[in-house]
Amino acid sequence: MIQSLDKLIRSPAYWLALTVALLCIVLQYAGLDELLRFDRLRIDSGAWWLLLSGNFVHLGQSHLWMNMVGLALVAALVWEYFSAMQWLLLILFSSLVVGVGLWLFNPEVQGYVGFSGTLHGLIIAGVLADIQRYPKSATVLMLLVAGKLAWEQISGALPGSESVAGGAVVVDAHLYGAIGGAMLALLMLWHTRYRGRRPSMDGGRAR
């Protein structure tokens, strides 16, 4: 237990997860949610950063803490599979895919906030990496997440999720985040495997 805690403290990846959580908390309690939310009119006027920043502010405290609990679970279950830099790229890319996806394909969405879309991208990325080590349990988890996304596309938000969040749930954000996380995670995993298999310049001979 002490060894695991020491490993946790020394890991830049876990410090990144904590930093992201603190960022979301500070932005919310500082009252910056209205300033940083996805706002279609402002984006159309040139405030492109709102495509990204809207993912890090929330409707209220219950919405914020629901997503922070989700981030903590992802960090506890699959955070070891990628480096801090890789997780940072996954967070930024998944968030950007959510923002751009809503802007391009959901003209009815005038405003959006929340980390849940990004969170779905991180879950999918972690599970894809986890499949290599624990194929059975990871496959079950992948099917559960895919089933949730399919339910949302067919029937809308899960029962009770809107009351907990304190407002309407934009389910397409979850789908876009999952797609973004899957795309980048597969690229990262392929690159890692390719680099591991690539022969060295001296023909693979031991030095």
N, C-alpha and C. Protein backbone atom coordinates (compact mmCIF):
# COMPACT_ATOMS: atom_id res chain seq x y z
N MET A 1 0.83 -1.20 0.00
CA MET A 1 0.00 0.00 0.00
C MET A 1 0.86 1.25 0.00
N ILE A 2 1.88 1.27 0.86
CA ILE A 2 2.79 2.42 0.93
C ILE A 2 3.54 2.57 -0.38
N GLN A 3 3.96 1.44 -0.96
CA GLN A 3 4.68 1.49 -2.23
C GLN A 3 3.77 2.04 -3.34
N SER A 4 2.49 1.63 -3.35
CA SER A 4 1.55 2.11 -4.36
C SER A 4 1.31 3.61 -4.20
N LEU A 5 1.21 4.07 -2.93
CA LEU A 5 1.00 5.49 -2.68
C LEU A 5 2.21 6.30 -3.11
N ASP A 6 3.40 5.77 -2.88
CA ASP A 6 4.62 6.45 -3.29
C ASP A 6 4.70 6.55 -4.82
N LYS A 7 4.30 5.47 -5.50
CA LYS A 7 4.28 5.48 -6.96
C LYS A 7 3.29 6.51 -7.47
N LEU A 8 2.14 6.61 -6.79
CA LEU A 8 1.13 7.57 -7.17
C LEU A 8 1.64 9.00 -7.05
N ILE A 9 2.31 9.29 -5.94
CA ILE A 9 2.81 10.63 -5.69
C ILE A 9 3.88 11.03 -6.69
N ARG A 10 4.69 10.05 -7.11
CA ARG A 10 5.80 10.34 -8.01
C ARG A 10 5.40 10.36 -9.49
N SER A 11 4.16 10.02 -9.81
CA SER A 11 3.74 9.91 -11.20
C SER A 11 3.24 11.24 -11.75
N PRO A 12 3.89 11.79 -12.78
CA PRO A 12 3.41 13.03 -13.40
C PRO A 12 2.00 12.89 -13.97
N ALA A 13 1.64 11.69 -14.43
CA ALA A 13 0.32 11.49 -15.01
C ALA A 13 -0.78 11.73 -13.97
N TYR A 14 -0.56 11.24 -12.75
CA TYR A 14 -1.57 11.43 -11.71
C TYR A 14 -1.62 12.89 -11.25
N TRP A 15 -0.49 13.55 -11.26
CA TRP A 15 -0.49 14.98 -10.95
C TRP A 15 -1.26 15.76 -12.01
N LEU A 16 -1.20 15.29 -13.26
CA LEU A 16 -1.97 15.93 -14.32
C LEU A 16 -3.46 15.79 -14.05
N ALA A 17 -3.89 14.58 -13.67
CA ALA A 17 -5.31 14.36 -13.37
C ALA A 17 -5.77 15.29 -12.25
N LEU A 18 -4.94 15.42 -11.21
CA LEU A 18 -5.27 16.30 -10.10
C LEU A 18 -5.32 17.75 -10.56
N THR A 19 -4.41 18.15 -11.43
CA THR A 19 -4.38 19.52 -11.94
C THR A 19 -5.63 19.84 -12.74
N VAL A 20 -6.05 18.90 -13.58
CA VAL A 20 -7.27 19.10 -14.38
C VAL A 20 -8.48 19.24 -13.47
N ALA A 21 -8.55 18.39 -12.45
CA ALA A 21 -9.66 18.46 -11.50
C ALA A 21 -9.68 19.81 -10.79
N LEU A 22 -8.51 20.24 -10.34
CA LEU A 22 -8.42 21.53 -9.65
C LEU A 22 -8.78 22.69 -10.58
N LEU A 23 -8.37 22.58 -11.84
CA LEU A 23 -8.71 23.62 -12.82
C LEU A 23 -10.22 23.76 -12.95
N CYS A 24 -10.90 22.63 -13.11
CA CYS A 24 -12.36 22.66 -13.24
C CYS A 24 -13.02 23.24 -12.00
N ILE A 25 -12.51 22.85 -10.83
CA ILE A 25 -13.07 23.33 -9.56
C ILE A 25 -12.87 24.84 -9.40
N VAL A 26 -11.65 25.31 -9.68
CA VAL A 26 -11.35 26.73 -9.55
C VAL A 26 -12.19 27.57 -10.52
N LEU A 27 -12.28 27.13 -11.77
CA LEU A 27 -13.07 27.87 -12.75
C LEU A 27 -14.53 27.98 -12.33
N GLN A 28 -15.05 26.89 -11.76
CA GLN A 28 -16.45 26.89 -11.36
C GLN A 28 -16.70 27.81 -10.18
N TYR A 29 -15.88 27.68 -9.15
CA TYR A 29 -16.10 28.47 -7.95
C TYR A 29 -15.68 29.93 -8.12
N ALA A 30 -14.91 30.19 -9.17
CA ALA A 30 -14.56 31.58 -9.48
C ALA A 30 -15.65 32.26 -10.31
N GLY A 31 -16.67 31.50 -10.68
CA GLY A 31 -17.79 32.07 -11.43
C GLY A 31 -17.48 32.37 -12.88
N LEU A 32 -16.57 31.57 -13.48
CA LEU A 32 -16.16 31.82 -14.86
C LEU A 32 -16.92 30.95 -15.86
N ASP A 33 -17.94 30.25 -15.39
CA ASP A 33 -18.67 29.34 -16.28
C ASP A 33 -19.35 30.09 -17.43
N GLU A 34 -19.92 31.24 -17.17
CA GLU A 34 -20.58 32.00 -18.24
C GLU A 34 -19.57 32.56 -19.24
N LEU A 35 -18.43 32.95 -18.75
CA LEU A 35 -17.40 33.54 -19.61
C LEU A 35 -16.76 32.50 -20.53
N LEU A 36 -16.61 31.26 -20.04
CA LEU A 36 -15.85 30.24 -20.77
C LEU A 36 -16.71 29.17 -21.42
N ARG A 37 -18.02 29.23 -21.27
CA ARG A 37 -18.89 28.21 -21.82
C ARG A 37 -18.90 28.23 -23.35
N PHE A 38 -19.22 27.08 -23.96
CA PHE A 38 -19.46 27.02 -25.39
C PHE A 38 -20.66 27.91 -25.70
N ASP A 39 -20.44 28.93 -26.49
CA ASP A 39 -21.49 29.87 -26.86
C ASP A 39 -21.43 30.06 -28.37
N ARG A 40 -22.43 29.55 -29.06
CA ARG A 40 -22.38 29.54 -30.53
C ARG A 40 -22.24 30.93 -31.13
N LEU A 41 -22.96 31.88 -30.61
CA LEU A 41 -22.90 33.23 -31.16
C LEU A 41 -21.51 33.83 -31.00
N ARG A 42 -20.91 33.64 -29.84
CA ARG A 42 -19.57 34.18 -29.61
C ARG A 42 -18.53 33.44 -30.44
N ILE A 43 -18.71 32.13 -30.59
CA ILE A 43 -17.77 31.35 -31.42
C ILE A 43 -17.85 31.82 -32.87
N ASP A 44 -19.08 32.02 -33.35
CA ASP A 44 -19.26 32.50 -34.72
C ASP A 44 -18.65 33.88 -34.92
N SER A 45 -18.50 34.60 -33.82
CA SER A 45 -17.91 35.95 -33.89
C SER A 45 -16.40 35.95 -33.71
N GLY A 46 -15.83 34.74 -33.56
CA GLY A 46 -14.38 34.64 -33.49
C GLY A 46 -13.80 34.15 -32.18
N ALA A 47 -14.63 33.85 -31.18
CA ALA A 47 -14.11 33.36 -29.89
C ALA A 47 -13.91 31.85 -29.96
N TRP A 48 -12.94 31.42 -30.77
CA TRP A 48 -12.73 29.99 -31.03
C TRP A 48 -12.30 29.21 -29.80
N TRP A 49 -11.67 29.87 -28.85
CA TRP A 49 -11.20 29.16 -27.65
C TRP A 49 -12.36 28.57 -26.84
N LEU A 50 -13.57 29.05 -27.05
CA LEU A 50 -14.73 28.51 -26.34
C LEU A 50 -15.04 27.09 -26.76
N LEU A 51 -14.57 26.68 -27.94
CA LEU A 51 -14.73 25.29 -28.37
C LEU A 51 -14.02 24.34 -27.41
N LEU A 52 -12.95 24.83 -26.80
CA LEU A 52 -12.17 24.04 -25.86
C LEU A 52 -12.56 24.31 -24.41
N SER A 53 -12.66 25.59 -24.06
CA SER A 53 -12.84 25.95 -22.65
C SER A 53 -14.19 25.52 -22.09
N GLY A 54 -15.19 25.40 -22.95
CA GLY A 54 -16.51 25.01 -22.47
C GLY A 54 -16.54 23.64 -21.80
N ASN A 55 -15.55 22.82 -22.09
CA ASN A 55 -15.49 21.48 -21.50
C ASN A 55 -15.01 21.50 -20.04
N PHE A 56 -14.48 22.62 -19.59
CA PHE A 56 -13.88 22.68 -18.26
C PHE A 56 -14.69 23.50 -17.26
N VAL A 57 -15.87 23.94 -17.67
CA VAL A 57 -16.80 24.60 -16.75
C VAL A 57 -18.11 23.83 -16.75
N HIS A 58 -18.95 24.07 -15.73
CA HIS A 58 -20.11 23.22 -15.51
C HIS A 58 -21.37 24.02 -15.17
N LEU A 59 -22.50 23.32 -15.21
CA LEU A 59 -23.78 23.96 -14.92
C LEU A 59 -23.88 24.39 -13.46
N GLY A 60 -23.29 23.63 -12.58
CA GLY A 60 -23.35 23.93 -11.16
C GLY A 60 -22.50 22.94 -10.38
N GLN A 61 -22.61 22.97 -9.07
CA GLN A 61 -21.76 22.13 -8.24
C GLN A 61 -22.03 20.65 -8.43
N SER A 62 -23.29 20.26 -8.53
CA SER A 62 -23.60 18.83 -8.70
C SER A 62 -23.06 18.30 -10.02
N HIS A 63 -23.17 19.10 -11.07
CA HIS A 63 -22.63 18.72 -12.38
C HIS A 63 -21.11 18.61 -12.31
N LEU A 64 -20.49 19.57 -11.67
CA LEU A 64 -19.03 19.56 -11.52
C LEU A 64 -18.56 18.32 -10.78
N TRP A 65 -19.13 18.05 -9.61
CA TRP A 65 -18.63 16.95 -8.79
C TRP A 65 -18.97 15.59 -9.37
N MET A 66 -20.06 15.50 -10.13
CA MET A 66 -20.36 14.26 -10.83
C MET A 66 -19.26 13.92 -11.82
N ASN A 67 -18.79 14.94 -12.56
CA ASN A 67 -17.72 14.71 -13.53
C ASN A 67 -16.37 14.50 -12.87
N MET A 68 -16.12 15.14 -11.74
CA MET A 68 -14.86 14.94 -11.04
C MET A 68 -14.77 13.54 -10.44
N VAL A 69 -15.90 13.00 -9.98
CA VAL A 69 -15.91 11.61 -9.52
C VAL A 69 -15.60 10.68 -10.69
N GLY A 70 -16.16 10.99 -11.86
CA GLY A 70 -15.86 10.20 -13.06
C GLY A 70 -14.40 10.25 -13.42
N LEU A 71 -13.79 11.43 -13.33
CA LEU A 71 -12.36 11.57 -13.62
C LEU A 71 -11.53 10.76 -12.62
N ALA A 72 -11.93 10.78 -11.35
CA ALA A 72 -11.20 10.03 -10.33
C ALA A 72 -11.27 8.53 -10.62
N LEU A 73 -12.42 8.04 -11.06
CA LEU A 73 -12.56 6.62 -11.38
C LEU A 73 -11.69 6.24 -12.57
N VAL A 74 -11.67 7.08 -13.59
CA VAL A 74 -10.83 6.82 -14.76
C VAL A 74 -9.36 6.79 -14.35
N ALA A 75 -8.96 7.75 -13.52
CA ALA A 75 -7.57 7.80 -13.05
C ALA A 75 -7.22 6.57 -12.24
N ALA A 76 -8.14 6.10 -11.42
CA ALA A 76 -7.87 4.94 -10.59
C ALA A 76 -7.79 3.65 -11.40
N LEU A 77 -8.56 3.57 -12.48
CA LEU A 77 -8.65 2.32 -13.22
C LEU A 77 -7.65 2.18 -14.36
N VAL A 78 -7.42 3.26 -15.12
CA VAL A 78 -6.65 3.11 -16.37
C VAL A 78 -5.57 4.17 -16.57
N TRP A 79 -5.31 5.01 -15.58
CA TRP A 79 -4.40 6.14 -15.79
C TRP A 79 -2.96 5.70 -16.01
N GLU A 80 -2.62 4.50 -15.59
CA GLU A 80 -1.24 4.03 -15.69
C GLU A 80 -0.81 3.72 -17.12
N TYR A 81 -1.76 3.62 -18.03
CA TYR A 81 -1.45 3.14 -19.38
C TYR A 81 -0.84 4.20 -20.30
N PHE A 82 -0.97 5.47 -19.96
CA PHE A 82 -0.41 6.52 -20.80
C PHE A 82 0.42 7.46 -19.94
N SER A 83 1.35 8.14 -20.57
CA SER A 83 2.17 9.12 -19.87
C SER A 83 1.38 10.40 -19.64
N ALA A 84 1.93 11.30 -18.83
CA ALA A 84 1.28 12.58 -18.59
C ALA A 84 1.07 13.36 -19.89
N MET A 85 2.07 13.36 -20.75
CA MET A 85 1.94 14.08 -22.02
C MET A 85 0.86 13.46 -22.90
N GLN A 86 0.80 12.14 -22.91
CA GLN A 86 -0.23 11.47 -23.71
C GLN A 86 -1.63 11.77 -23.18
N TRP A 87 -1.79 11.75 -21.86
CA TRP A 87 -3.09 12.07 -21.28
C TRP A 87 -3.46 13.52 -21.56
N LEU A 88 -2.48 14.41 -21.50
CA LEU A 88 -2.75 15.81 -21.79
C LEU A 88 -3.25 15.97 -23.22
N LEU A 89 -2.60 15.28 -24.15
CA LEU A 89 -3.04 15.33 -25.55
C LEU A 89 -4.43 14.74 -25.71
N LEU A 90 -4.71 13.64 -25.00
CA LEU A 90 -6.03 13.02 -25.06
C LEU A 90 -7.10 13.96 -24.52
N ILE A 91 -6.80 14.64 -23.42
CA ILE A 91 -7.75 15.58 -22.84
C ILE A 91 -8.04 16.72 -23.80
N LEU A 92 -6.98 17.32 -24.33
CA LEU A 92 -7.15 18.47 -25.22
C LEU A 92 -7.84 18.08 -26.53
N PHE A 93 -7.42 16.95 -27.09
CA PHE A 93 -7.98 16.53 -28.38
C PHE A 93 -9.45 16.12 -28.23
N SER A 94 -9.76 15.33 -27.20
CA SER A 94 -11.15 14.92 -26.98
C SER A 94 -12.03 16.14 -26.74
N SER A 95 -11.54 17.09 -25.96
CA SER A 95 -12.30 18.30 -25.69
C SER A 95 -12.55 19.10 -26.96
N LEU A 96 -11.52 19.21 -27.78
CA LEU A 96 -11.65 19.96 -29.03
C LEU A 96 -12.61 19.28 -29.99
N VAL A 97 -12.57 17.95 -30.04
CA VAL A 97 -13.49 17.21 -30.91
C VAL A 97 -14.93 17.43 -30.44
N VAL A 98 -15.13 17.46 -29.12
CA VAL A 98 -16.47 17.75 -28.60
C VAL A 98 -16.94 19.13 -29.06
N GLY A 99 -16.11 20.14 -28.86
CA GLY A 99 -16.48 21.50 -29.24
C GLY A 99 -16.73 21.65 -30.73
N VAL A 100 -15.80 21.15 -31.53
CA VAL A 100 -15.94 21.27 -32.99
C VAL A 100 -17.12 20.45 -33.48
N GLY A 101 -17.31 19.25 -32.89
CA GLY A 101 -18.43 18.41 -33.29
C GLY A 101 -19.77 19.09 -33.04
N LEU A 102 -19.93 19.68 -31.87
CA LEU A 102 -21.17 20.39 -31.57
C LEU A 102 -21.36 21.60 -32.48
N TRP A 103 -20.28 22.30 -32.75
CA TRP A 103 -20.37 23.49 -33.58
C TRP A 103 -20.75 23.15 -35.03
N LEU A 104 -20.20 22.05 -35.53
CA LEU A 104 -20.45 21.68 -36.93
C LEU A 104 -21.76 20.93 -37.13
N PHE A 105 -22.07 20.01 -36.23
CA PHE A 105 -23.15 19.07 -36.48
C PHE A 105 -24.39 19.26 -35.60
N ASN A 106 -24.33 20.16 -34.65
CA ASN A 106 -25.48 20.38 -33.77
C ASN A 106 -25.83 21.87 -33.70
N PRO A 107 -26.33 22.42 -34.79
CA PRO A 107 -26.64 23.86 -34.81
C PRO A 107 -27.71 24.24 -33.80
N GLU A 108 -28.49 23.27 -33.32
CA GLU A 108 -29.52 23.57 -32.32
C GLU A 108 -28.92 23.82 -30.94
N VAL A 109 -27.67 23.40 -30.74
CA VAL A 109 -27.01 23.60 -29.45
C VAL A 109 -26.38 25.00 -29.44
N GLN A 110 -26.96 25.90 -28.69
CA GLN A 110 -26.46 27.26 -28.59
C GLN A 110 -25.44 27.43 -27.47
N GLY A 111 -25.56 26.60 -26.44
CA GLY A 111 -24.63 26.67 -25.31
C GLY A 111 -24.34 25.27 -24.77
N TYR A 112 -23.15 25.11 -24.23
CA TYR A 112 -22.76 23.80 -23.69
C TYR A 112 -21.66 23.99 -22.66
N VAL A 113 -21.74 23.21 -21.59
CA VAL A 113 -20.66 23.16 -20.60
C VAL A 113 -20.53 21.73 -20.10
N GLY A 114 -19.35 21.40 -19.59
CA GLY A 114 -19.19 20.11 -18.94
C GLY A 114 -18.04 19.27 -19.46
N PHE A 115 -17.47 18.48 -18.54
CA PHE A 115 -16.32 17.63 -18.83
C PHE A 115 -16.73 16.23 -19.28
N SER A 116 -18.03 15.95 -19.31
CA SER A 116 -18.47 14.58 -19.56
C SER A 116 -18.11 14.07 -20.95
N GLY A 117 -18.16 14.96 -21.96
CA GLY A 117 -17.76 14.53 -23.30
C GLY A 117 -16.30 14.13 -23.33
N THR A 118 -15.45 14.96 -22.76
CA THR A 118 -14.02 14.63 -22.65
C THR A 118 -13.82 13.37 -21.86
N LEU A 119 -14.58 13.21 -20.80
CA LEU A 119 -14.47 12.05 -19.93
C LEU A 119 -14.74 10.75 -20.69
N HIS A 120 -15.71 10.79 -21.59
CA HIS A 120 -15.97 9.60 -22.41
C HIS A 120 -14.78 9.28 -23.31
N GLY A 121 -14.10 10.30 -23.81
CA GLY A 121 -12.90 10.07 -24.61
C GLY A 121 -11.80 9.43 -23.79
N LEU A 122 -11.64 9.87 -22.54
CA LEU A 122 -10.60 9.30 -21.67
C LEU A 122 -10.93 7.86 -21.29
N ILE A 123 -12.21 7.59 -21.05
CA ILE A 123 -12.62 6.22 -20.73
C ILE A 123 -12.31 5.28 -21.88
N ILE A 124 -12.71 5.67 -23.09
CA ILE A 124 -12.47 4.83 -24.26
C ILE A 124 -10.97 4.62 -24.48
N ALA A 125 -10.19 5.66 -24.33
CA ALA A 125 -8.73 5.55 -24.51
C ALA A 125 -8.14 4.58 -23.51
N GLY A 126 -8.54 4.71 -22.26
CA GLY A 126 -8.02 3.83 -21.23
C GLY A 126 -8.41 2.38 -21.45
N VAL A 127 -9.66 2.16 -21.85
CA VAL A 127 -10.12 0.79 -22.08
C VAL A 127 -9.41 0.17 -23.28
N LEU A 128 -9.17 0.94 -24.33
CA LEU A 128 -8.43 0.41 -25.48
C LEU A 128 -7.03 -0.03 -25.08
N ALA A 129 -6.39 0.72 -24.19
CA ALA A 129 -5.07 0.32 -23.71
C ALA A 129 -5.18 -0.88 -22.77
N ASP A 130 -6.24 -0.93 -21.99
CA ASP A 130 -6.44 -1.99 -21.01
C ASP A 130 -6.69 -3.34 -21.67
N ILE A 131 -7.24 -3.33 -22.89
CA ILE A 131 -7.55 -4.58 -23.60
C ILE A 131 -6.31 -5.44 -23.78
N GLN A 132 -5.15 -4.80 -23.94
CA GLN A 132 -3.92 -5.56 -24.14
C GLN A 132 -3.53 -6.36 -22.91
N ARG A 133 -3.91 -5.87 -21.73
CA ARG A 133 -3.52 -6.56 -20.49
C ARG A 133 -4.65 -7.42 -19.92
N TYR A 134 -5.86 -6.89 -19.94
CA TYR A 134 -7.01 -7.61 -19.39
C TYR A 134 -8.12 -7.65 -20.44
N PRO A 135 -7.97 -8.49 -21.46
CA PRO A 135 -8.90 -8.46 -22.59
C PRO A 135 -10.36 -8.72 -22.23
N LYS A 136 -10.62 -9.63 -21.29
CA LYS A 136 -12.01 -9.98 -20.98
C LYS A 136 -12.73 -8.83 -20.27
N SER A 137 -12.16 -8.37 -19.17
CA SER A 137 -12.81 -7.30 -18.41
C SER A 137 -12.86 -6.00 -19.20
N ALA A 138 -11.81 -5.72 -19.98
CA ALA A 138 -11.79 -4.49 -20.78
C ALA A 138 -12.84 -4.55 -21.88
N THR A 139 -13.02 -5.72 -22.47
CA THR A 139 -14.03 -5.87 -23.52
C THR A 139 -15.43 -5.67 -22.95
N VAL A 140 -15.67 -6.19 -21.75
CA VAL A 140 -16.97 -6.00 -21.10
C VAL A 140 -17.22 -4.52 -20.84
N LEU A 141 -16.20 -3.82 -20.35
CA LEU A 141 -16.34 -2.39 -20.08
C LEU A 141 -16.57 -1.61 -21.36
N MET A 142 -15.86 -2.00 -22.43
CA MET A 142 -16.04 -1.34 -23.71
C MET A 142 -17.47 -1.51 -24.22
N LEU A 143 -18.01 -2.72 -24.06
CA LEU A 143 -19.38 -2.98 -24.49
C LEU A 143 -20.38 -2.17 -23.68
N LEU A 144 -20.11 -2.01 -22.38
CA LEU A 144 -20.99 -1.22 -21.54
C LEU A 144 -20.99 0.25 -21.96
N VAL A 145 -19.80 0.79 -22.24
CA VAL A 145 -19.72 2.18 -22.68
C VAL A 145 -20.38 2.35 -24.04
N ALA A 146 -20.13 1.40 -24.94
CA ALA A 146 -20.75 1.46 -26.27
C ALA A 146 -22.27 1.36 -26.15
N GLY A 147 -22.75 0.49 -25.24
CA GLY A 147 -24.19 0.36 -25.02
C GLY A 147 -24.80 1.65 -24.49
N LYS A 148 -24.07 2.31 -23.58
CA LYS A 148 -24.54 3.60 -23.05
C LYS A 148 -24.65 4.64 -24.15
N LEU A 149 -23.62 4.71 -24.99
CA LEU A 149 -23.63 5.68 -26.09
C LEU A 149 -24.76 5.38 -27.06
N ALA A 150 -24.99 4.09 -27.35
CA ALA A 150 -26.08 3.71 -28.25
C ALA A 150 -27.44 4.07 -27.65
N TRP A 151 -27.62 3.80 -26.35
CA TRP A 151 -28.87 4.16 -25.67
C TRP A 151 -29.13 5.66 -25.79
N GLU A 152 -28.09 6.46 -25.56
CA GLU A 152 -28.25 7.91 -25.60
C GLU A 152 -28.62 8.39 -27.01
N GLN A 153 -28.07 7.76 -28.02
CA GLN A 153 -28.39 8.16 -29.38
C GLN A 153 -29.81 7.78 -29.77
N ILE A 154 -30.31 6.70 -29.19
CA ILE A 154 -31.65 6.22 -29.54
C ILE A 154 -32.73 6.80 -28.63
N SER A 155 -32.45 6.78 -27.32
CA SER A 155 -33.48 7.13 -26.33
C SER A 155 -33.20 8.41 -25.56
N GLY A 156 -32.05 9.03 -25.76
CA GLY A 156 -31.72 10.24 -25.03
C GLY A 156 -30.94 9.95 -23.76
N ALA A 157 -30.83 10.94 -22.92
CA ALA A 157 -30.01 10.83 -21.70
C ALA A 157 -30.51 9.72 -20.79
N LEU A 158 -29.59 9.11 -20.05
CA LEU A 158 -29.95 8.06 -19.10
C LEU A 158 -30.91 8.62 -18.06
N PRO A 159 -31.84 7.81 -17.60
CA PRO A 159 -32.79 8.27 -16.58
C PRO A 159 -32.07 8.80 -15.33
N GLY A 160 -32.45 9.97 -14.90
CA GLY A 160 -31.87 10.56 -13.70
C GLY A 160 -30.65 11.41 -13.92
N SER A 161 -30.01 11.29 -15.09
CA SER A 161 -28.76 12.03 -15.32
C SER A 161 -29.00 13.53 -15.41
N GLU A 162 -30.12 13.94 -15.97
CA GLU A 162 -30.38 15.38 -16.11
C GLU A 162 -30.70 16.02 -14.77
N SER A 163 -31.39 15.28 -13.89
CA SER A 163 -31.68 15.84 -12.57
C SER A 163 -30.42 15.98 -11.74
N VAL A 164 -29.48 15.03 -11.90
CA VAL A 164 -28.21 15.11 -11.18
C VAL A 164 -27.36 16.25 -11.72
N ALA A 165 -27.32 16.37 -13.05
CA ALA A 165 -26.50 17.42 -13.68
C ALA A 165 -27.08 18.81 -13.47
N GLY A 166 -28.38 18.88 -13.28
CA GLY A 166 -29.01 20.18 -13.08
C GLY A 166 -29.38 20.87 -14.37
N GLY A 167 -29.53 20.11 -15.44
CA GLY A 167 -29.90 20.69 -16.73
C GLY A 167 -29.90 19.63 -17.82
N ALA A 168 -30.18 20.05 -19.03
CA ALA A 168 -30.23 19.12 -20.16
C ALA A 168 -28.86 18.52 -20.45
N VAL A 169 -28.86 17.23 -20.79
CA VAL A 169 -27.62 16.54 -21.15
C VAL A 169 -27.51 16.49 -22.67
N VAL A 170 -26.42 17.00 -23.21
CA VAL A 170 -26.18 16.97 -24.65
C VAL A 170 -25.45 15.67 -24.96
N VAL A 171 -26.22 14.64 -25.31
CA VAL A 171 -25.65 13.29 -25.44
C VAL A 171 -24.67 13.20 -26.61
N ASP A 172 -24.83 14.04 -27.63
CA ASP A 172 -23.91 13.98 -28.76
C ASP A 172 -22.49 14.35 -28.33
N ALA A 173 -22.36 15.16 -27.28
CA ALA A 173 -21.03 15.50 -26.77
C ALA A 173 -20.30 14.26 -26.28
N HIS A 174 -21.04 13.33 -25.67
CA HIS A 174 -20.44 12.08 -25.22
C HIS A 174 -19.92 11.27 -26.40
N LEU A 175 -20.72 11.23 -27.46
CA LEU A 175 -20.32 10.48 -28.66
C LEU A 175 -19.09 11.10 -29.30
N TYR A 176 -19.06 12.42 -29.43
CA TYR A 176 -17.92 13.09 -30.05
C TYR A 176 -16.65 12.89 -29.22
N GLY A 177 -16.79 13.00 -27.90
CA GLY A 177 -15.63 12.79 -27.03
C GLY A 177 -15.09 11.38 -27.15
N ALA A 178 -16.00 10.40 -27.19
CA ALA A 178 -15.58 9.00 -27.33
C ALA A 178 -14.85 8.76 -28.65
N ILE A 179 -15.36 9.36 -29.71
CA ILE A 179 -14.71 9.22 -31.02
C ILE A 179 -13.32 9.86 -31.00
N GLY A 180 -13.21 11.04 -30.43
CA GLY A 180 -11.92 11.72 -30.35
C GLY A 180 -10.91 10.92 -29.54
N GLY A 181 -11.34 10.43 -28.37
CA GLY A 181 -10.45 9.64 -27.53
C GLY A 181 -10.01 8.36 -28.20
N ALA A 182 -10.95 7.70 -28.90
CA ALA A 182 -10.62 6.44 -29.58
C ALA A 182 -9.62 6.68 -30.71
N MET A 183 -9.83 7.72 -31.48
CA MET A 183 -8.95 8.01 -32.61
C MET A 183 -7.51 8.25 -32.15
N LEU A 184 -7.35 9.11 -31.16
CA LEU A 184 -6.00 9.45 -30.72
C LEU A 184 -5.36 8.30 -29.95
N ALA A 185 -6.14 7.58 -29.15
CA ALA A 185 -5.59 6.45 -28.40
C ALA A 185 -5.10 5.36 -29.34
N LEU A 186 -5.87 5.05 -30.37
CA LEU A 186 -5.44 4.04 -31.33
C LEU A 186 -4.16 4.46 -32.04
N LEU A 187 -4.05 5.74 -32.37
CA LEU A 187 -2.83 6.24 -33.00
C LEU A 187 -1.65 6.11 -32.05
N MET A 188 -1.84 6.45 -30.78
CA MET A 188 -0.77 6.34 -29.80
C MET A 188 -0.35 4.89 -29.58
N LEU A 189 -1.34 4.00 -29.45
CA LEU A 189 -1.03 2.59 -29.22
C LEU A 189 -0.34 1.97 -30.42
N TRP A 190 -0.77 2.37 -31.63
CA TRP A 190 -0.11 1.87 -32.84
C TRP A 190 1.33 2.36 -32.90
N HIS A 191 1.53 3.63 -32.58
CA HIS A 191 2.87 4.19 -32.62
C HIS A 191 3.79 3.51 -31.61
N THR A 192 3.27 3.23 -30.42
CA THR A 192 4.07 2.56 -29.40
C THR A 192 4.45 1.16 -29.84
N ARG A 193 3.48 0.43 -30.41
CA ARG A 193 3.76 -0.93 -30.87
C ARG A 193 4.72 -0.91 -32.05
N TYR A 194 4.54 0.02 -32.99
CA TYR A 194 5.42 0.11 -34.16
C TYR A 194 6.84 0.44 -33.74
N ARG A 195 6.96 1.37 -32.81
CA ARG A 195 8.29 1.76 -32.33
C ARG A 195 8.96 0.60 -31.62
N GLY A 196 8.18 -0.20 -30.90
CA GLY A 196 8.74 -1.34 -30.19
C GLY A 196 9.22 -2.45 -31.12
N ARG A 197 8.56 -2.55 -32.28
CA ARG A 197 8.92 -3.62 -33.23
C ARG A 197 9.96 -3.19 -34.25
N ARG A 198 10.17 -1.88 -34.39
CA ARG A 198 11.07 -1.38 -35.44
C ARG A 198 12.50 -1.80 -35.14
N PRO A 199 13.21 -2.40 -36.08
CA PRO A 199 14.61 -2.81 -35.85
C PRO A 199 15.52 -1.60 -35.69
N SER A 200 16.54 -1.76 -34.92
CA SER A 200 17.49 -0.66 -34.71
C SER A 200 18.35 -0.47 -35.94
N MET A 201 19.07 0.66 -35.99
CA MET A 201 19.86 0.99 -37.17
C MET A 201 21.02 0.04 -37.38
N ASP A 202 21.45 -0.67 -36.33
CA ASP A 202 22.56 -1.59 -36.51
C ASP A 202 22.09 -3.02 -36.73
N GLY A 203 20.82 -3.16 -37.14
CA GLY A 203 20.33 -4.48 -37.48
C GLY A 203 19.83 -5.25 -36.28
N GLY A 204 19.67 -4.59 -35.15
CA GLY A 204 19.13 -5.25 -33.97
C GLY A 204 20.16 -5.98 -33.15
N ARG A 205 21.45 -5.83 -33.45
CA ARG A 205 22.49 -6.52 -32.68
C ARG A 205 22.68 -5.86 -31.33
N ALA A 206 22.91 -6.66 -30.34
CA ALA A 206 23.14 -6.15 -29.00
C ALA A 206 24.48 -5.41 -28.95
N ARG A 207 24.52 -4.33 -28.20
CA ARG A 207 25.75 -3.55 -28.10
C ARG A 207 26.55 -3.99 -26.88
